[in-house]
Amino acid sequence: VQLAESGGGLVQAGGSLRLSCVASGLTFSNYAMGWFRQAPGKEREFVAAIRPTGGGSIDTDSVKGRFTISRDNAKKTVYLQMNSLKPEDTAVYYCAADYRSSYSPLRSDANAYEYWGQGTQVTVSS
């Protein structure tokens, strides 16, 4: 199984980025997908998750109204559209896969996710 993130970079505060995560080696439509981030010296934190069929999502309060998670099962890809970026959004962003049915609640606990990508750096300058 491989999860490969891309789309990170350096952006000014108020700017936008779209992260992508392409999955291989798994039946993508059987997995809820999540985005997490880890800033220097801090623990990994949940950002957003989306159901296997894309029919629902959750996100953390700090990104509500600014970040949107979506997926394209035909392309085995999950996206994180990040708008109105702030310096405190600076972190390495990881995608992760959680095997579960579309009827099960989405999870924000990193320990629940079986597979992880290598991460992509997002840096927001003030």
Foldseek 3Di string as FASTA:
>chain_A
DAWAKDWADEEAAQAKIKMKIADPDDQQLQWKKFKWWDDPPGDIFGAKIAASVRPDMDGDPVQPPFWDWGDDSVRRMIMIIGGRDDQVVWTWMKMFIAGDHRPDDDDGDPVRTDDIHPTDTHGYHD
